[in-house]
Every structure is written in structure tokens, then in C-alpha cells.
């Protein structure tokens, strides 16, 4: 079952097009919308090397580093509870395999 998360519109870079994260059985989907189209990246759980969570008072930044990829995925402005849920879901899926 896939679960959808979105960054807060109150945070930098997310006012018009908030970043979205979908935690699904096959992997993590990162979606960055823009005026003309969007960028989507799907990372399987086996390819995730590290997950970093940087929390503030209300919001958190999530960084997902992958094996073999040139740049980590960075999602800013997630509600703290959502960011923690995503991190825990990744850890659960990685221990399943």
C-alpha cells in the first residue's frame, strides 16, 4: 500500500509546487513539480545507502543517499512526523529483504 507525503507550502522552494514523496512497496518515489512538467525518481529500497533526517521546530529535511547515484535526494519542508514516518518505513522495508 502506497502512502503519499508532501512538503509544506510554508517552506522555501515549496510555495507553488511542493515536493512529494510516495512510499510504495517497490521503492520510494520522489516528485519535484515545476511550471512545465515534473521530475520523478524512483529508488528501490535495496539501492538506498543512508537516510538522514534534519529536524527543526515544525519541519524536517530528509536526505536519501543511494548506492551508485551521483547525487543524494533532498526533500525540504516535510512536517516532522511525516519525515520520521518516511525514515522508519524505509528502515522497515530494508530489513524485510
PDB file of N, CA and C in Angstrom:
ATOM      1  N   UNK A   1       0.843  -1.178   0.000  1.00  0.00           N
ATOM      2  CA  UNK A   1       0.000   0.000   0.000  1.00  0.00           C
ATOM      3  C   UNK A   1       0.886   1.238   0.000  1.00  0.00           C
ATOM      4  N   UNK A   2       0.684   2.117  -0.936  1.00  0.00           N
ATOM      5  CA  UNK A   2       1.484   3.330  -1.052  1.00  0.00           C
ATOM      6  C   UNK A   2       0.937   4.428  -0.144  1.00  0.00           C
ATOM      7  N   UNK A   3       1.851   5.185   0.426  1.00  0.00           N
ATOM      8  CA  UNK A   3       1.469   6.310   1.262  1.00  0.00           C
ATOM      9  C   UNK A   3       2.111   7.567   0.693  1.00  0.00           C
ATOM     10  N   UNK A   4       1.322   8.632   0.576  1.00  0.00           N
ATOM     11  CA  UNK A   4       1.765   9.885  -0.034  1.00  0.00           C
ATOM     12  C   UNK A   4       2.083  10.920   1.033  1.00  0.00           C
ATOM     13  N   UNK A   5       3.157  11.689   0.798  1.00  0.00           N
ATOM     14  CA  UNK A   5       3.570  12.774   1.678  1.00  0.00           C
ATOM     15  C   UNK A   5       3.887  13.991   0.814  1.00  0.00           C
ATOM     16  N   UNK A   6       3.692  15.186   1.367  1.00  0.00           N
ATOM     17  CA  UNK A   6       4.013  16.408   0.638  1.00  0.00           C
ATOM     18  C   UNK A   6       4.679  17.401   1.577  1.00  0.00           C
ATOM     19  N   UNK A   7       5.618  18.165   1.019  1.00  0.00           N
ATOM     20  CA  UNK A   7       6.284  19.210   1.787  1.00  0.00           C
ATOM     21  C   UNK A   7       5.304  20.351   2.030  1.00  0.00           C
ATOM     22  N   UNK A   8       5.542  21.097   3.064  1.00  0.00           N
ATOM     23  CA  UNK A   8       4.678  22.227   3.406  1.00  0.00           C
ATOM     24  C   UNK A   8       4.906  23.382   2.439  1.00  0.00           C
ATOM     25  N   UNK A   9       3.840  24.040   2.055  1.00  0.00           N
ATOM     26  CA  UNK A   9       3.939  25.217   1.183  1.00  0.00           C
ATOM     27  C   UNK A   9       4.558  26.410   1.907  1.00  0.00           C
ATOM     28  N   UNK A  10       4.692  26.325   3.216  1.00  0.00           N
ATOM     29  CA  UNK A  10       5.259  27.414   4.004  1.00  0.00           C
ATOM     30  C   UNK A  10       6.782  27.409   4.011  1.00  0.00           C
ATOM     31  N   UNK A  11       7.398  26.403   3.412  1.00  0.00           N
ATOM     32  CA  UNK A  11       8.852  26.284   3.425  1.00  0.00           C
ATOM     33  C   UNK A  11       9.458  26.710   2.092  1.00  0.00           C
ATOM     34  N   UNK A  12      10.734  27.028   2.131  1.00  0.00           N
ATOM     35  CA  UNK A  12      11.444  27.547   0.959  1.00  0.00           C
ATOM     36  C   UNK A  12      11.374  26.585  -0.220  1.00  0.00           C
ATOM     37  N   UNK A  13      11.038  27.126  -1.387  1.00  0.00           N
ATOM     38  CA  UNK A  13      11.007  26.341  -2.617  1.00  0.00           C
ATOM     39  C   UNK A  13       9.767  25.490  -2.812  1.00  0.00           C
ATOM     40  N   UNK A  14       8.839  25.525  -1.883  1.00  0.00           N
ATOM     41  CA  UNK A  14       7.661  24.671  -1.972  1.00  0.00           C
ATOM     42  C   UNK A  14       6.350  25.442  -2.087  1.00  0.00           C
ATOM     43  N   UNK A  15       6.409  26.757  -2.253  1.00  0.00           N
ATOM     44  CA  UNK A  15       5.189  27.563  -2.237  1.00  0.00           C
ATOM     45  C   UNK A  15       4.234  27.184  -3.369  1.00  0.00           C
ATOM     46  N   UNK A  16       4.722  27.178  -4.598  1.00  0.00           N
ATOM     47  CA  UNK A  16       3.856  26.848  -5.740  1.00  0.00           C
ATOM     48  C   UNK A  16       3.763  25.346  -5.990  1.00  0.00           C
ATOM     49  N   UNK A  17       4.886  24.679  -5.904  1.00  0.00           N
ATOM     50  CA  UNK A  17       4.940  23.263  -6.236  1.00  0.00           C
ATOM     51  C   UNK A  17       5.656  22.497  -5.131  1.00  0.00           C
ATOM     52  N   UNK A  18       4.939  22.067  -4.112  1.00  0.00           N
ATOM     53  CA  UNK A  18       5.611  21.337  -3.024  1.00  0.00           C
ATOM     54  C   UNK A  18       6.134  19.983  -3.498  1.00  0.00           C
ATOM     55  N   UNK A  19       7.307  19.620  -2.975  1.00  0.00           N
ATOM     56  CA  UNK A  19       7.882  18.314  -3.270  1.00  0.00           C
ATOM     57  C   UNK A  19       6.985  17.235  -2.682  1.00  0.00           C
ATOM     58  N   UNK A  20       6.950  16.080  -3.356  1.00  0.00           N
ATOM     59  CA  UNK A  20       6.130  14.970  -2.877  1.00  0.00           C
ATOM     60  C   UNK A  20       6.974  13.707  -2.777  1.00  0.00           C
ATOM     61  N   UNK A  21       6.598  12.857  -1.830  1.00  0.00           N
ATOM     62  CA  UNK A  21       7.257  11.574  -1.625  1.00  0.00           C
ATOM     63  C   UNK A  21       6.169  10.515  -1.524  1.00  0.00           C
ATOM     64  N   UNK A  22       6.361   9.416  -2.226  1.00  0.00           N
ATOM     65  CA  UNK A  22       5.438   8.288  -2.134  1.00  0.00           C
ATOM     66  C   UNK A  22       6.242   7.078  -1.666  1.00  0.00           C
ATOM     67  N   UNK A  23       5.810   6.509  -0.556  1.00  0.00           N
ATOM     68  CA  UNK A  23       6.434   5.297  -0.038  1.00  0.00           C
ATOM     69  C   UNK A  23       5.571   4.130  -0.520  1.00  0.00           C
ATOM     70  N   UNK A  24       6.120   3.335  -1.423  1.00  0.00           N
ATOM     71  CA  UNK A  24       5.389   2.212  -2.018  1.00  0.00           C
ATOM     72  C   UNK A  24       6.146   0.916  -1.771  1.00  0.00           C
ATOM     73  N   UNK A  25       5.519  -0.194  -2.096  1.00  0.00           N
ATOM     74  CA  UNK A  25       6.149  -1.499  -1.880  1.00  0.00           C
ATOM     75  C   UNK A  25       7.425  -1.686  -2.708  1.00  0.00           C
ATOM     76  N   UNK A  26       7.451  -1.119  -3.910  1.00  0.00           N
ATOM     77  CA  UNK A  26       8.610  -1.324  -4.783  1.00  0.00           C
ATOM     78  C   UNK A  26       9.742  -0.337  -4.540  1.00  0.00           C
ATOM     79  N   UNK A  27       9.479   0.771  -3.824  1.00  0.00           N
ATOM     80  CA  UNK A  27      10.525   1.751  -3.551  1.00  0.00           C
ATOM     81  C   UNK A  27       9.948   3.110  -3.203  1.00  0.00           C
ATOM     82  N   UNK A  28      10.827   4.090  -3.152  1.00  0.00           N
ATOM     83  CA  UNK A  28      10.463   5.463  -2.817  1.00  0.00           C
ATOM     84  C   UNK A  28      10.376   6.271  -4.113  1.00  0.00           C
ATOM     85  N   UNK A  29       9.299   7.017  -4.278  1.00  0.00           N
ATOM     86  CA  UNK A  29       9.111   7.892  -5.436  1.00  0.00           C
ATOM     87  C   UNK A  29       9.301   9.326  -4.962  1.00  0.00           C
ATOM     88  N   UNK A  30      10.202  10.066  -5.588  1.00  0.00           N
ATOM     89  CA  UNK A  30      10.409  11.475  -5.292  1.00  0.00           C
ATOM     90  C   UNK A  30       9.907  12.274  -6.486  1.00  0.00           C
ATOM     91  N   UNK A  31       9.019  13.227  -6.239  1.00  0.00           N
ATOM     92  CA  UNK A  31       8.430  14.009  -7.316  1.00  0.00           C
ATOM     93  C   UNK A  31       8.646  15.487  -7.048  1.00  0.00           C
ATOM     94  N   UNK A  32       9.295  16.151  -7.992  1.00  0.00           N
ATOM     95  CA  UNK A  32       9.514  17.591  -7.919  1.00  0.00           C
ATOM     96  C   UNK A  32       8.787  18.214  -9.109  1.00  0.00           C
ATOM     97  N   UNK A  33       7.739  18.950  -8.824  1.00  0.00           N
ATOM     98  CA  UNK A  33       6.967  19.606  -9.875  1.00  0.00           C
ATOM     99  C   UNK A  33       7.583  20.956 -10.218  1.00  0.00           C
ATOM    100  N   UNK A  34       7.306  21.417 -11.420  1.00  0.00           N
ATOM    101  CA  UNK A  34       7.722  22.742 -11.873  1.00  0.00           C
ATOM    102  C   UNK A  34       6.662  23.265 -12.819  1.00  0.00           C
ATOM    103  N   UNK A  35       6.858  24.459 -13.356  1.00  0.00           N
ATOM    104  CA  UNK A  35       5.837  25.065 -14.209  1.00  0.00           C
ATOM    105  C   UNK A  35       5.461  24.178 -15.389  1.00  0.00           C
ATOM    106  N   UNK A  36       6.444  23.609 -16.046  1.00  0.00           N
ATOM    107  CA  UNK A  36       6.186  22.791 -17.221  1.00  0.00           C
ATOM    108  C   UNK A  36       6.680  21.373 -16.982  1.00  0.00           C
ATOM    109  N   UNK A  37       5.872  20.569 -16.330  1.00  0.00           N
ATOM    110  CA  UNK A  37       6.226  19.176 -16.105  1.00  0.00           C
ATOM    111  C   UNK A  37       6.702  18.897 -14.697  1.00  0.00           C
ATOM    112  N   UNK A  38       7.373  17.760 -14.557  1.00  0.00           N
ATOM    113  CA  UNK A  38       7.886  17.362 -13.250  1.00  0.00           C
ATOM    114  C   UNK A  38       9.047  16.399 -13.435  1.00  0.00           C
ATOM    115  N   UNK A  39       9.826  16.258 -12.374  1.00  0.00           N
ATOM    116  CA  UNK A  39      10.905  15.274 -12.334  1.00  0.00           C
ATOM    117  C   UNK A  39      10.508  14.232 -11.307  1.00  0.00           C
ATOM    118  N   UNK A  40      10.609  12.964 -11.684  1.00  0.00           N
ATOM    119  CA  UNK A  40      10.288  11.887 -10.761  1.00  0.00           C
ATOM    120  C   UNK A  40      11.434  10.894 -10.756  1.00  0.00           C
ATOM    121  N   UNK A  41      11.801  10.489  -9.558  1.00  0.00           N
ATOM    122  CA  UNK A  41      12.851   9.485  -9.413  1.00  0.00           C
ATOM    123  C   UNK A  41      12.327   8.393  -8.488  1.00  0.00           C
ATOM    124  N   UNK A  42      12.521   7.162  -8.911  1.00  0.00           N
ATOM    125  CA  UNK A  42      12.107   6.011  -8.108  1.00  0.00           C
ATOM    126  C   UNK A  42      13.359   5.265  -7.676  1.00  0.00           C
ATOM    127  N   UNK A  43      13.463   5.055  -6.375  1.00  0.00           N
ATOM    128  CA  UNK A  43      14.622   4.361  -5.826  1.00  0.00           C
ATOM    129  C   UNK A  43      14.134   3.130  -5.084  1.00  0.00           C
ATOM    130  N   UNK A  44      14.654   1.979  -5.465  1.00  0.00           N
ATOM    131  CA  UNK A  44      14.286   0.748  -4.756  1.00  0.00           C
ATOM    132  C   UNK A  44      15.008   0.730  -3.404  1.00  0.00           C
ATOM    133  N   UNK A  45      14.426   0.024  -2.459  1.00  0.00           N
ATOM    134  CA  UNK A  45      14.965   0.015  -1.095  1.00  0.00           C
ATOM    135  C   UNK A  45      16.369  -0.566  -1.024  1.00  0.00           C
ATOM    136  N   UNK A  46      16.658  -1.504  -1.893  1.00  0.00           N
ATOM    137  CA  UNK A  46      17.988  -2.099  -1.908  1.00  0.00           C
ATOM    138  C   UNK A  46      19.081  -1.143  -2.348  1.00  0.00           C
ATOM    139  N   UNK A  47      18.726  -0.080  -3.047  1.00  0.00           N
ATOM    140  CA  UNK A  47      19.696   0.905  -3.540  1.00  0.00           C
ATOM    141  C   UNK A  47      19.933   2.051  -2.559  1.00  0.00           C
ATOM    142  N   UNK A  48      19.177   2.098  -1.460  1.00  0.00           N
ATOM    143  CA  UNK A  48      19.318   3.192  -0.500  1.00  0.00           C
ATOM    144  C   UNK A  48      20.472   2.880   0.443  1.00  0.00           C
ATOM    145  N   UNK A  49      21.453   3.787   0.483  1.00  0.00           N
ATOM    146  CA  UNK A  49      22.625   3.602   1.331  1.00  0.00           C
ATOM    147  C   UNK A  49      22.442   4.247   2.702  1.00  0.00           C
ATOM    148  N   UNK A  50      21.808   5.421   2.744  1.00  0.00           N
ATOM    149  CA  UNK A  50      21.643   6.130   4.012  1.00  0.00           C
ATOM    150  C   UNK A  50      20.450   7.071   3.931  1.00  0.00           C
ATOM    151  N   UNK A  51      19.833   7.285   5.081  1.00  0.00           N
ATOM    152  CA  UNK A  51      18.730   8.237   5.202  1.00  0.00           C
ATOM    153  C   UNK A  51      19.087   9.177   6.335  1.00  0.00           C
ATOM    154  N   UNK A  52      19.091  10.480   6.043  1.00  0.00           N
ATOM    155  CA  UNK A  52      19.427  11.476   7.061  1.00  0.00           C
ATOM    156  C   UNK A  52      18.212  12.367   7.291  1.00  0.00           C
ATOM    157  N   UNK A  53      17.959  12.658   8.545  1.00  0.00           N
ATOM    158  CA  UNK A  53      16.823  13.481   8.932  1.00  0.00           C
ATOM    159  C   UNK A  53      17.353  14.650   9.746  1.00  0.00           C
ATOM    160  N   UNK A  54      17.045  15.866   9.297  1.00  0.00           N
ATOM    161  CA  UNK A  54      17.454  17.080   9.984  1.00  0.00           C
ATOM    162  C   UNK A  54      16.183  17.796  10.406  1.00  0.00           C
ATOM    163  N   UNK A  55      15.871  17.774  11.707  1.00  0.00           N
ATOM    164  CA  UNK A  55      14.604  18.314  12.199  1.00  0.00           C
ATOM    165  C   UNK A  55      14.764  19.705  12.792  1.00  0.00           C
ATOM    166  N   UNK A  56      13.761  20.535  12.528  1.00  0.00           N
ATOM    167  CA  UNK A  56      13.642  21.837  13.161  1.00  0.00           C
ATOM    168  C   UNK A  56      12.479  21.796  14.128  1.00  0.00           C
ATOM    169  N   UNK A  57      11.902  22.948  14.424  1.00  0.00           N
ATOM    170  CA  UNK A  57      10.785  23.002  15.362  1.00  0.00           C
ATOM    171  C   UNK A  57       9.538  22.348  14.766  1.00  0.00           C
ATOM    172  N   UNK A  58       9.186  22.724  13.536  1.00  0.00           N
ATOM    173  CA  UNK A  58       7.965  22.214  12.916  1.00  0.00           C
ATOM    174  C   UNK A  58       8.223  21.312  11.708  1.00  0.00           C
ATOM    175  N   UNK A  59       9.294  21.583  10.985  1.00  0.00           N
ATOM    176  CA  UNK A  59       9.557  20.896   9.730  1.00  0.00           C
ATOM    177  C   UNK A  59      10.895  20.164   9.779  1.00  0.00           C
ATOM    178  N   UNK A  60      11.067  19.255   8.828  1.00  0.00           N
ATOM    179  CA  UNK A  60      12.305  18.481   8.752  1.00  0.00           C
ATOM    180  C   UNK A  60      12.754  18.371   7.300  1.00  0.00           C
ATOM    181  N   UNK A  61      14.048  18.177   7.135  1.00  0.00           N
ATOM    182  CA  UNK A  61      14.639  17.934   5.826  1.00  0.00           C
ATOM    183  C   UNK A  61      15.091  16.487   5.784  1.00  0.00           C
ATOM    184  N   UNK A  62      14.804  15.831   4.678  1.00  0.00           N
ATOM    185  CA  UNK A  62      15.131  14.424   4.520  1.00  0.00           C
ATOM    186  C   UNK A  62      16.108  14.273   3.358  1.00  0.00           C
ATOM    187  N   UNK A  63      17.209  13.588   3.608  1.00  0.00           N
ATOM    188  CA  UNK A  63      18.206  13.316   2.574  1.00  0.00           C
ATOM    189  C   UNK A  63      18.326  11.809   2.428  1.00  0.00           C
ATOM    190  N   UNK A  64      18.202  11.336   1.193  1.00  0.00           N
ATOM    191  CA  UNK A  64      18.327   9.910   0.900  1.00  0.00           C
ATOM    192  C   UNK A  64      19.524   9.729  -0.024  1.00  0.00           C
ATOM    193  N   UNK A  65      20.540   9.045   0.479  1.00  0.00           N
ATOM    194  CA  UNK A  65      21.727   8.760  -0.323  1.00  0.00           C
ATOM    195  C   UNK A  65      21.600   7.361  -0.900  1.00  0.00           C
ATOM    196  N   UNK A  66      21.953   7.247  -2.171  1.00  0.00           N
ATOM    197  CA  UNK A  66      21.810   5.961  -2.846  1.00  0.00           C
ATOM    198  C   UNK A  66      23.176   5.407  -3.248  1.00  0.00           C
ATOM    199  N   UNK A  67      23.207   4.103  -3.454  1.00  0.00           N
ATOM    200  CA  UNK A  67      24.423   3.457  -3.939  1.00  0.00           C
ATOM    201  C   UNK A  67      24.473   3.611  -5.455  1.00  0.00           C
ATOM    202  N   UNK A  68      25.579   4.122  -5.948  1.00  0.00           N
ATOM    203  CA  UNK A  68      25.762   4.231  -7.382  1.00  0.00           C
ATOM    204  C   UNK A  68      25.156   5.465  -8.016  1.00  0.00           C
ATOM    205  N   UNK A  69      24.457   6.287  -7.268  1.00  0.00           N
ATOM    206  CA  UNK A  69      23.883   7.503  -7.828  1.00  0.00           C
ATOM    207  C   UNK A  69      24.815   8.675  -7.550  1.00  0.00           C
ATOM    208  N   UNK A  70      24.804   9.649  -8.429  1.00  0.00           N
ATOM    209  CA  UNK A  70      25.748  10.751  -8.299  1.00  0.00           C
ATOM    210  C   UNK A  70      25.361  11.738  -7.202  1.00  0.00           C
ATOM    211  N   UNK A  71      24.080  12.000  -7.032  1.00  0.00           N
ATOM    212  CA  UNK A  71      23.658  12.991  -6.053  1.00  0.00           C
ATOM    213  C   UNK A  71      22.567  12.422  -5.149  1.00  0.00           C
ATOM    214  N   UNK A  72      22.598  12.809  -3.870  1.00  0.00           N
ATOM    215  CA  UNK A  72      21.530  12.363  -2.981  1.00  0.00           C
ATOM    216  C   UNK A  72      20.221  13.103  -3.277  1.00  0.00           C
ATOM    217  N   UNK A  73      19.113  12.524  -2.863  1.00  0.00           N
ATOM    218  CA  UNK A  73      17.805  13.137  -2.990  1.00  0.00           C
ATOM    219  C   UNK A  73      17.571  13.968  -1.739  1.00  0.00           C
ATOM    220  N   UNK A  74      17.162  15.218  -1.921  1.00  0.00           N
ATOM    221  CA  UNK A  74      16.943  16.120  -0.789  1.00  0.00           C
ATOM    222  C   UNK A  74      15.524  16.670  -0.868  1.00  0.00           C
ATOM    223  N   UNK A  75      14.746  16.440   0.175  1.00  0.00           N
ATOM    224  CA  UNK A  75      13.385  16.965   0.270  1.00  0.00           C
ATOM    225  C   UNK A  75      13.336  17.849   1.511  1.00  0.00           C
ATOM    226  N   UNK A  76      13.056  19.132   1.314  1.00  0.00           N
ATOM    227  CA  UNK A  76      12.979  20.027   2.457  1.00  0.00           C
ATOM    228  C   UNK A  76      11.533  20.391   2.771  1.00  0.00           C
ATOM    229  N   UNK A  77      11.301  20.753   4.023  1.00  0.00           N
ATOM    230  CA  UNK A  77       9.998  21.259   4.422  1.00  0.00           C
ATOM    231  C   UNK A  77       8.932  20.225   4.694  1.00  0.00           C
ATOM    232  N   UNK A  78       9.323  19.001   4.996  1.00  0.00           N
ATOM    233  CA  UNK A  78       8.329  17.988   5.363  1.00  0.00           C
ATOM    234  C   UNK A  78       7.902  18.214   6.814  1.00  0.00           C
ATOM    235  N   UNK A  79       6.643  18.010   7.131  1.00  0.00           N
ATOM    236  CA  UNK A  79       6.268  18.024   8.545  1.00  0.00           C
ATOM    237  C   UNK A  79       7.099  16.983   9.292  1.00  0.00           C
ATOM    238  N   UNK A  80       7.509  17.300  10.515  1.00  0.00           N
ATOM    239  CA  UNK A  80       8.408  16.421  11.270  1.00  0.00           C
ATOM    240  C   UNK A  80       7.893  14.991  11.382  1.00  0.00           C
ATOM    241  N   UNK A  81       6.620  14.837  11.672  1.00  0.00           N
ATOM    242  CA  UNK A  81       6.058  13.485  11.828  1.00  0.00           C
ATOM    243  C   UNK A  81       6.115  12.705  10.524  1.00  0.00           C
ATOM    244  N   UNK A  82       5.833  13.386   9.405  1.00  0.00           N
ATOM    245  CA  UNK A  82       5.884  12.726   8.098  1.00  0.00           C
ATOM    246  C   UNK A  82       7.308  12.275   7.766  1.00  0.00           C
ATOM    247  N   UNK A  83       8.273  13.148   8.018  1.00  0.00           N
ATOM    248  CA  UNK A  83       9.670  12.803   7.725  1.00  0.00           C
ATOM    249  C   UNK A  83      10.109  11.599   8.554  1.00  0.00           C
ATOM    250  N   UNK A  84       9.701  11.561   9.817  1.00  0.00           N
ATOM    251  CA  UNK A  84      10.049  10.425  10.674  1.00  0.00           C
ATOM    252  C   UNK A  84       9.375   9.142  10.178  1.00  0.00           C
ATOM    253  N   UNK A  85       8.115   9.250   9.735  1.00  0.00           N
ATOM    254  CA  UNK A  85       7.405   8.080   9.185  1.00  0.00           C
ATOM    255  C   UNK A  85       8.108   7.535   7.948  1.00  0.00           C
ATOM    256  N   UNK A  86       8.547   8.435   7.070  1.00  0.00           N
ATOM    257  CA  UNK A  86       9.240   8.015   5.848  1.00  0.00           C
ATOM    258  C   UNK A  86      10.530   7.289   6.210  1.00  0.00           C
ATOM    259  N   UNK A  87      11.298   7.857   7.125  1.00  0.00           N
ATOM    260  CA  UNK A  87      12.556   7.234   7.548  1.00  0.00           C
ATOM    261  C   UNK A  87      12.304   5.849   8.138  1.00  0.00           C
ATOM    262  N   UNK A  88      11.314   5.725   9.001  1.00  0.00           N
ATOM    263  CA  UNK A  88      11.004   4.434   9.614  1.00  0.00           C
ATOM    264  C   UNK A  88      10.490   3.424   8.585  1.00  0.00           C
ATOM    265  N   UNK A  89       9.706   3.892   7.605  1.00  0.00           N
ATOM    266  CA  UNK A  89       9.205   2.999   6.555  1.00  0.00           C
ATOM    267  C   UNK A  89      10.362   2.456   5.717  1.00  0.00           C
ATOM    268  N   UNK A  90      11.320   3.308   5.389  1.00  0.00           N
ATOM    269  CA  UNK A  90      12.491   2.862   4.627  1.00  0.00           C
ATOM    270  C   UNK A  90      13.248   1.805   5.423  1.00  0.00           C
ATOM    271  N   UNK A  91      13.442   2.047   6.702  1.00  0.00           N
ATOM    272  CA  UNK A  91      14.157   1.083   7.539  1.00  0.00           C
ATOM    273  C   UNK A  91      13.405  -0.247   7.622  1.00  0.00           C
ATOM    274  N   UNK A  92      12.070  -0.196   7.734  1.00  0.00           N
ATOM    275  CA  UNK A  92      11.273  -1.424   7.774  1.00  0.00           C
ATOM    276  C   UNK A  92      11.394  -2.213   6.484  1.00  0.00           C
ATOM    277  N   UNK A  93      11.265  -1.518   5.347  1.00  0.00           N
ATOM    278  CA  UNK A  93      11.360  -2.205   4.055  1.00  0.00           C
ATOM    279  C   UNK A  93      12.758  -2.785   3.849  1.00  0.00           C
ATOM    280  N   UNK A  94      13.793  -2.101   4.313  1.00  0.00           N
ATOM    281  CA  UNK A  94      15.148  -2.616   4.129  1.00  0.00           C
ATOM    282  C   UNK A  94      15.405  -3.852   4.982  1.00  0.00           C
ATOM    283  N   UNK A  95      14.809  -3.946   6.148  1.00  0.00           N
ATOM    284  CA  UNK A  95      15.021  -5.123   6.999  1.00  0.00           C
ATOM    285  C   UNK A  95      14.167  -6.303   6.564  1.00  0.00           C
ATOM    286  N   UNK A  96      13.125  -6.054   5.757  1.00  0.00           N
ATOM    287  CA  UNK A  96      12.285  -7.144   5.227  1.00  0.00           C
ATOM    288  C   UNK A  96      13.064  -8.062   4.309  1.00  0.00           C
ATOM    289  N   UNK A  97      13.926  -7.473   3.485  1.00  0.00           N
ATOM    290  CA  UNK A  97      14.619  -8.254   2.443  1.00  0.00           C
ATOM    291  C   UNK A  97      15.681  -9.135   2.969  1.00  0.00           C
TER     292      UNK A  97
END
